[in-house]
Protein backbone atom coordinates (compact mmCIF):
# COMPACT_ATOMS: atom_id res chain seq x y z
CA MET A 1 22.99 -25.82 -11.86
CA ILE A 2 23.92 -28.89 -9.78
CA ALA A 3 27.03 -27.48 -8.91
CA MET A 4 25.77 -24.35 -7.74
CA THR A 5 23.09 -26.18 -5.67
CA GLU A 6 25.93 -28.09 -3.91
CA HIS A 7 27.74 -24.88 -3.32
CA PHE A 8 24.75 -23.52 -1.68
CA GLU A 9 24.02 -26.31 0.54
CA ASN A 10 27.60 -26.67 1.63
CA SER A 11 27.96 -23.02 2.40
CA HIS A 12 24.69 -22.62 4.17
CA ASP A 13 25.77 -24.35 7.48
CA THR A 14 25.66 -21.98 10.43
CA ALA A 15 27.78 -21.83 13.69
CA GLU A 16 26.12 -22.84 16.89
CA GLY A 17 24.06 -20.05 18.19
CA GLU A 18 23.83 -18.33 14.79
CA ILE A 19 20.56 -17.38 13.22
CA SER A 20 19.45 -20.04 10.80
CA TYR A 21 17.43 -19.70 7.58
CA HIS A 22 15.98 -22.67 5.75
CA ALA A 23 17.08 -23.51 2.20
CA PRO A 24 15.41 -21.27 -0.66
CA VAL A 25 12.55 -22.97 -2.40
CA LEU A 26 12.54 -24.13 -6.14
CA PRO A 27 16.35 -23.09 -6.42
CA LEU A 28 16.91 -24.83 -9.79
CA GLU A 29 13.87 -23.47 -11.24
CA VAL A 30 14.68 -19.89 -10.21
CA VAL A 31 18.03 -20.16 -11.64
CA ALA A 32 16.69 -21.69 -14.96
CA ALA A 33 14.10 -18.95 -15.17
CA LEU A 34 16.35 -16.01 -14.52
CA ARG A 35 19.46 -17.22 -16.36
CA PRO A 36 22.09 -15.46 -14.29
CA ALA A 37 25.54 -14.98 -16.03
CA PRO A 38 28.55 -12.60 -15.64
CA GLY A 39 27.77 -9.14 -16.51
CA LYS A 40 23.93 -9.43 -15.68
CA CYS A 41 22.29 -7.66 -12.77
CA PHE A 42 19.49 -8.82 -10.56
CA VAL A 43 17.30 -7.59 -7.89
CA ASP A 44 16.34 -10.03 -5.06
CA CYS A 45 13.31 -8.23 -3.60
CA THR A 46 12.95 -10.46 -0.69
CA LEU A 47 16.61 -11.25 0.29
CA GLY A 48 15.71 -13.43 3.50
CA GLY A 49 18.81 -15.73 4.17
CA GLY A 50 20.35 -14.99 0.90
CA GLY A 51 19.84 -18.20 -0.53
CA HIS A 52 18.62 -17.21 -3.93
CA SER A 53 21.02 -14.40 -4.22
CA GLU A 54 23.88 -16.80 -3.51
CA LEU A 55 22.86 -18.84 -6.70
CA LEU A 56 22.76 -15.79 -8.79
CA LEU A 57 26.07 -14.54 -7.37
CA GLY A 58 27.55 -18.05 -8.05
CA ALA A 59 26.69 -17.67 -11.68
CA GLY A 60 28.67 -14.58 -11.80
CA ALA A 61 25.94 -12.07 -11.65
CA ARG A 62 25.55 -8.82 -9.72
CA VAL A 63 22.77 -8.76 -7.10
CA VAL A 64 20.89 -5.99 -5.25
CA GLY A 65 19.15 -7.65 -2.13
CA ILE A 66 16.20 -5.89 -0.49
CA ASP A 67 14.51 -6.92 2.76
CA GLN A 68 12.25 -5.24 5.31
CA ASP A 69 13.76 -7.25 8.11
CA PRO A 70 17.14 -5.96 9.30
CA GLU A 71 17.94 -9.37 10.83
CA ALA A 72 17.69 -10.78 7.27
CA ILE A 73 20.03 -8.05 5.91
CA ALA A 74 22.61 -8.58 8.50
CA PHE A 75 22.45 -12.46 8.34
CA ALA A 76 22.57 -12.71 4.57
CA THR A 77 25.46 -9.87 4.12
CA GLN A 78 27.59 -11.51 6.85
CA ARG A 79 27.29 -14.97 5.31
CA LEU A 80 27.72 -14.03 1.72
CA GLU A 81 30.60 -11.52 2.49
CA ARG A 82 32.34 -14.29 4.32
CA GLN A 83 32.81 -16.21 1.01
CA GLY A 84 34.93 -13.24 -0.45
CA CYS A 85 34.19 -14.18 -4.15
CA PHE A 86 31.01 -11.94 -4.15
CA THR A 87 32.85 -8.71 -3.13
CA GLY A 88 31.89 -5.90 -5.44
CA ARG A 89 28.90 -7.71 -6.84
CA PHE A 90 26.41 -7.66 -3.94
CA GLU A 91 24.81 -4.72 -2.16
CA THR A 92 21.71 -4.63 0.12
CA PHE A 93 19.04 -2.23 1.22
CA HIS A 94 16.76 -2.50 4.32
CA SER A 95 13.58 -1.51 2.67
CA SER A 96 10.36 -2.66 1.18
CA PHE A 97 10.54 -4.07 -2.52
CA GLY A 98 7.71 -1.27 -3.02
CA GLU A 99 10.63 1.31 -3.02
CA VAL A 100 12.60 -0.51 -5.92
CA PRO A 101 12.53 2.60 -8.26
CA ALA A 102 14.19 4.77 -5.59
CA LEU A 103 16.68 2.16 -4.70
CA LEU A 104 17.92 1.47 -8.19
CA ALA A 105 18.19 5.20 -8.65
CA LYS A 106 20.27 5.28 -5.41
CA SER A 107 22.59 2.56 -6.87
CA GLY A 108 22.82 4.19 -10.29
CA ILE A 109 21.05 1.38 -12.03
CA GLY A 110 18.84 2.14 -14.99
CA ALA A 111 17.56 -1.27 -15.76
CA VAL A 112 18.18 -4.97 -14.69
CA ASP A 113 18.02 -8.38 -16.12
CA GLY A 114 15.76 -9.81 -13.57
CA PHE A 115 13.52 -9.45 -10.45
CA LEU A 116 12.90 -12.15 -7.89
CA LEU A 117 10.15 -11.96 -5.30
CA ASP A 118 9.86 -15.00 -2.89
CA LEU A 119 6.78 -13.79 -0.92
CA GLY A 120 5.29 -14.45 2.51
CA VAL A 121 6.85 -14.80 5.87
CA SER A 122 10.30 -16.39 6.10
CA SER A 123 10.99 -19.69 8.12
CA HIS A 124 13.17 -17.60 10.53
CA GLN A 125 10.42 -15.22 11.29
CA LEU A 126 7.99 -18.10 11.93
CA ASP A 127 10.53 -19.70 14.18
CA THR A 128 11.27 -16.65 16.25
CA PRO A 129 8.70 -16.30 18.97
CA GLU A 130 9.44 -12.67 19.78
CA ARG A 131 8.30 -11.64 16.16
CA GLY A 132 4.85 -12.87 16.96
CA PHE A 133 4.17 -14.67 13.70
CA SER A 134 3.39 -18.19 14.84
CA PHE A 135 0.24 -19.32 16.82
CA GLN A 136 2.27 -22.36 18.06
CA ARG A 137 4.73 -20.16 20.26
CA GLN A 138 4.25 -17.89 22.93
CA GLY A 139 5.28 -14.19 21.95
CA PRO A 140 3.99 -10.71 21.67
CA LEU A 141 1.31 -10.03 19.12
CA ASP A 142 3.50 -8.23 16.53
CA MET A 143 3.83 -9.78 13.01
CA ARG A 144 5.86 -6.62 11.58
CA MET A 145 8.15 -7.76 8.89
CA ASN A 146 9.88 -4.33 9.37
CA PRO A 147 10.14 -4.00 13.18
CA HIS A 148 10.38 -0.33 12.88
CA ALA A 149 6.76 -0.12 11.25
CA LEU A 150 4.24 1.55 13.47
CA VAL A 151 1.28 -0.91 13.52
CA THR A 152 1.48 -4.36 15.16
CA ALA A 153 -1.09 -7.21 15.10
CA ARG A 154 -1.77 -6.16 18.70
CA ASP A 155 -2.92 -2.79 17.73
CA LEU A 156 -5.33 -4.19 15.08
CA VAL A 157 -6.70 -6.97 17.32
CA ASN A 158 -7.31 -4.40 20.09
CA THR A 159 -8.73 -1.36 18.38
CA ALA A 160 -10.33 -2.27 15.21
CA SER A 161 -14.10 -2.53 15.01
CA ALA A 162 -15.72 -5.90 14.78
CA GLU A 163 -16.63 -4.94 11.11
CA GLN A 164 -12.97 -4.24 10.25
CA LEU A 165 -11.71 -7.41 11.84
CA GLU A 166 -14.36 -9.41 10.04
CA ARG A 167 -13.50 -7.85 6.67
CA ILE A 168 -9.65 -8.70 7.44
CA PHE A 169 -10.18 -12.34 8.25
CA ARG A 170 -12.67 -12.82 5.42
CA GLU A 171 -10.55 -11.03 2.61
CA TYR A 172 -7.10 -11.81 3.69
CA GLY A 173 -7.60 -15.21 5.45
CA GLU A 174 -10.68 -16.59 3.61
CA GLU A 175 -11.69 -17.47 7.07
CA PRO A 176 -15.31 -18.78 6.91
CA HIS A 177 -16.06 -18.01 10.54
CA ALA A 178 -14.76 -14.39 10.31
CA LYS A 179 -17.74 -12.74 11.83
CA ARG A 180 -17.99 -15.09 14.85
CA ILE A 181 -14.32 -14.69 15.39
CA ALA A 182 -14.42 -10.86 15.21
CA LEU A 183 -17.43 -10.63 17.66
CA LYS A 184 -15.60 -12.86 20.07
CA LEU A 185 -12.19 -10.86 19.96
CA THR A 186 -13.96 -7.61 20.33
CA LYS A 187 -15.97 -8.87 23.34
CA GLU A 188 -12.86 -10.57 25.16
CA ARG A 189 -10.70 -7.49 24.63
CA MET A 190 -13.07 -5.37 26.81
CA ILE A 191 -12.16 -7.58 29.66
CA HIS A 192 -8.51 -8.07 28.99
CA PRO A 193 -6.80 -6.67 25.85
CA PHE A 194 -4.83 -9.45 23.74
CA GLN A 195 -1.04 -9.22 24.31
CA THR A 196 0.25 -12.62 23.05
CA THR A 197 0.18 -15.09 20.21
CA LEU A 198 -1.16 -17.90 22.34
CA GLU A 199 -3.97 -15.78 23.85
CA LEU A 200 -5.34 -14.98 20.39
CA ALA A 201 -4.88 -18.56 19.20
CA GLN A 202 -6.98 -19.88 22.20
CA ALA A 203 -9.50 -17.35 21.63
CA VAL A 204 -9.92 -18.25 17.98
CA GLU A 205 -9.93 -22.02 18.99
CA ALA A 206 -12.82 -21.48 21.43
CA VAL A 207 -14.91 -20.10 18.48
CA SER A 208 -13.68 -22.35 15.88
CA PRO A 209 -12.71 -25.89 17.09
CA ARG A 210 -9.94 -27.68 15.49
CA ARG A 211 -11.04 -30.12 12.78
CA GLY A 212 -8.14 -32.11 11.05
CA ARG A 213 -4.55 -31.06 11.22
CA THR A 214 -4.98 -27.42 10.42
CA HIS A 215 -5.10 -25.24 13.49
CA PRO A 216 -8.11 -22.88 13.70
CA ALA A 217 -5.99 -19.78 14.00
CA THR A 218 -3.98 -20.53 10.84
CA ARG A 219 -6.15 -18.18 8.61
CA VAL A 220 -6.70 -15.45 11.33
CA PHE A 221 -2.92 -15.26 11.78
CA GLN A 222 -2.29 -15.11 8.00
CA ALA A 223 -4.79 -12.39 7.69
CA LEU A 224 -3.53 -10.23 10.39
CA ARG A 225 0.01 -10.61 9.16
CA ILE A 226 -1.19 -9.57 5.60
CA ALA A 227 -2.92 -6.53 7.13
CA VAL A 228 -0.13 -5.35 9.30
CA ASN A 229 2.31 -5.29 6.42
CA ARG A 230 0.01 -4.22 3.73
CA GLU A 231 1.18 -7.23 1.67
CA LEU A 232 -1.14 -7.55 -1.09
CA GLU A 233 -1.41 -3.82 -1.66
CA VAL A 234 2.28 -3.37 -2.00
CA LEU A 235 2.50 -6.55 -4.16
CA GLU A 236 -0.04 -5.35 -6.50
CA ARG A 237 1.50 -1.90 -6.85
CA THR A 238 5.02 -3.13 -7.23
CA LEU A 239 3.99 -5.66 -9.86
CA GLU A 240 2.91 -2.81 -12.01
CA LEU A 241 6.23 -0.79 -11.61
CA LEU A 242 8.91 -3.50 -12.25
CA GLY A 243 8.47 -3.85 -15.86
CA ASP A 244 9.72 -0.35 -16.37
CA PHE A 245 13.17 -1.55 -14.99
CA LEU A 246 13.72 -4.63 -16.92
CA VAL A 247 15.93 -4.72 -20.02
CA PRO A 248 14.25 -6.34 -23.16
CA GLY A 249 14.25 -10.14 -22.58
CA GLY A 250 14.81 -9.57 -18.78
CA ARG A 251 12.48 -11.70 -16.49
CA LEU A 252 10.37 -11.22 -13.54
CA ALA A 253 9.98 -14.41 -11.27
CA VAL A 254 7.53 -14.51 -8.38
CA ILE A 255 7.18 -17.32 -5.76
CA THR A 256 3.90 -17.39 -3.95
CA PHE A 257 2.63 -19.47 -1.07
CA HIS A 258 -1.05 -18.93 -0.90
CA SER A 259 -3.88 -18.34 -3.22
CA LEU A 260 -4.31 -14.57 -2.51
CA GLU A 261 -0.89 -13.81 -3.64
CA ASP A 262 -0.92 -16.22 -6.53
CA ARG A 263 -4.19 -14.77 -7.81
CA ILE A 264 -2.72 -11.20 -8.01
CA VAL A 265 0.38 -12.42 -9.74
CA LYS A 266 -1.55 -14.55 -12.17
CA HIS A 267 -4.04 -11.76 -13.17
CA VAL A 268 -1.41 -8.96 -13.55
CA PHE A 269 0.69 -11.33 -15.52
CA GLN A 270 -2.09 -12.33 -17.78
CA ARG A 271 -3.36 -8.84 -18.23
CA ARG A 272 0.09 -7.52 -19.25
CA SER A 273 1.14 -10.31 -21.48
CA ALA A 274 -2.22 -10.36 -23.74
CA PRO A 275 -1.50 -8.76 -26.98
CA THR A 276 -5.07 -7.86 -27.57
CA ILE A 277 -8.07 -7.06 -25.51
CA ASP A 278 -11.76 -7.30 -26.51
CA ARG A 279 -15.18 -6.24 -25.22
CA PRO A 280 -18.57 -7.15 -26.26
CA GLU A 281 -19.35 -3.69 -27.68
CA TRP A 282 -16.25 -3.72 -29.93
CA ALA A 283 -16.47 -4.76 -33.58
CA ALA A 284 -12.97 -6.33 -33.20
CA PRO A 285 -10.26 -6.89 -30.68
CA LYS A 286 -7.97 -3.99 -30.06
CA ALA A 287 -4.07 -3.91 -29.24
CA ASN A 288 -3.38 -3.93 -25.45
CA PRO A 289 -1.45 -0.94 -24.60
CA GLU A 290 -0.48 -2.65 -21.23
CA CYS A 291 1.11 -5.61 -22.97
CA ILE A 292 4.85 -5.46 -22.08
CA TYR A 293 5.42 -9.17 -21.27
CA LYS A 294 5.45 -12.73 -22.73
CA ARG A 295 4.78 -15.35 -20.36
CA VAL A 296 7.55 -17.84 -19.66
CA THR A 297 5.32 -20.25 -17.46
CA SER A 298 1.85 -21.02 -18.85
CA LYS A 299 1.27 -22.79 -15.55
CA PRO A 300 3.06 -22.28 -12.21
CA LEU A 301 6.05 -24.46 -11.52
CA ILE A 302 5.92 -26.32 -8.22
CA ALA A 303 8.40 -28.25 -6.29
CA GLY A 304 9.35 -31.81 -7.12
CA GLU A 305 8.62 -34.79 -4.68
CA ALA A 306 12.34 -34.76 -3.45
CA GLU A 307 12.49 -30.88 -2.70
CA GLN A 308 8.95 -31.40 -0.89
CA VAL A 309 10.37 -33.98 1.39
CA SER A 310 13.53 -32.28 2.20
CA ASN A 311 12.05 -28.73 2.35
CA PRO A 312 8.51 -28.69 3.66
CA ARG A 313 7.97 -25.05 3.14
CA SER A 314 8.25 -25.72 -0.65
CA ARG A 315 4.93 -27.81 -0.72
CA SER A 316 2.75 -24.71 -1.15
CA ALA A 317 5.14 -22.72 -3.45
CA LYS A 318 4.20 -21.55 -6.98
CA LEU A 319 6.68 -19.96 -9.33
CA ARG A 320 5.36 -17.82 -12.19
CA VAL A 321 7.82 -16.10 -14.69
CA VAL A 322 7.31 -13.49 -17.39
CA GLU A 323 9.79 -11.91 -19.81
CA ARG A 324 10.01 -8.25 -21.02
CA LEU A 325 9.25 -7.34 -24.43
CA GLY A 326 10.73 -4.36 -26.47
CA ALA A 327 12.21 -1.46 -24.64
CA SER A 328 10.91 -0.23 -21.16
CA PRO A 329 9.30 3.02 -20.73
CA SER A 330 12.28 4.22 -18.68
CA GLN A 331 14.69 3.00 -21.33
CA THR A 332 12.62 4.83 -24.08
CA LYS A 333 12.52 8.16 -21.95
CA ALA A 334 16.36 7.75 -21.44
CA SER A 335 16.99 7.36 -25.28
CA SER A 336 14.78 10.21 -25.91
CA ALA A 337 16.76 12.40 -23.56
CA ASP A 338 20.09 11.50 -25.22
């Protein structure tokens, strides 16, 4: 694993003027969890700059990379193809990871050895003002991970009702001042619709002044981003699907960066790895028909001190891993058809 990490760090340098993606979080932990090797196939559901994919490819595996952002697809493809040694083992799709079943069918793949989801917004997206993800840089109120999607953050801020905005800020941002902020925004937009990130950030700060190091707009921007991209809805639906495409012993690894994501992953993994279920009205526990996994990580893995210093994005990262038990439903159906 040390050799693979050195290979990644040495090959990740970019030429002047080229798009830059930060190093992947928890690289050694991901490799140890997924156990890549020649002959195995993995799906990197959130390709980004291709850092995790490179480690899997470096171990001899085949990788299918998925990303909603065409810039990520173009960058990762160009960078990895430059190395040449991955030719024939790496393909990409510009799509949401919610479309995994259709994408695997398109590639002629029935089952894989592992899935990786590295959730949240990428460092490159945050650092690109014209994408509108950051409240620290002037840019359009966009926040679409897929720039071809129809709804932007500007649309939500300027057209959603005060009640809808309050719900978005409260549920997706856990913002304690959700109602006050929603009322402020709906009042201001009547005079001048919000167009830019700094306009929105300043309006939020006027209602909820800065206390400590965290900017008052942090939770609002997170909430809008989640709503624009339907992140939690797609995540929960996808987690229920992926087990059908894992070989027995295959693993699903998910990296989260905030409590809302982590809570969903934790609950799905707990429910689908519990051998039995019990209810007060039952005389005894019953077998859990949804149990298809065993948990590899009883508690989430977090970055060590050295990685947190070298890669600040890793400080909030949590990695949870489960392993597929028995034959998947899709494999059972295929066997029956034979």
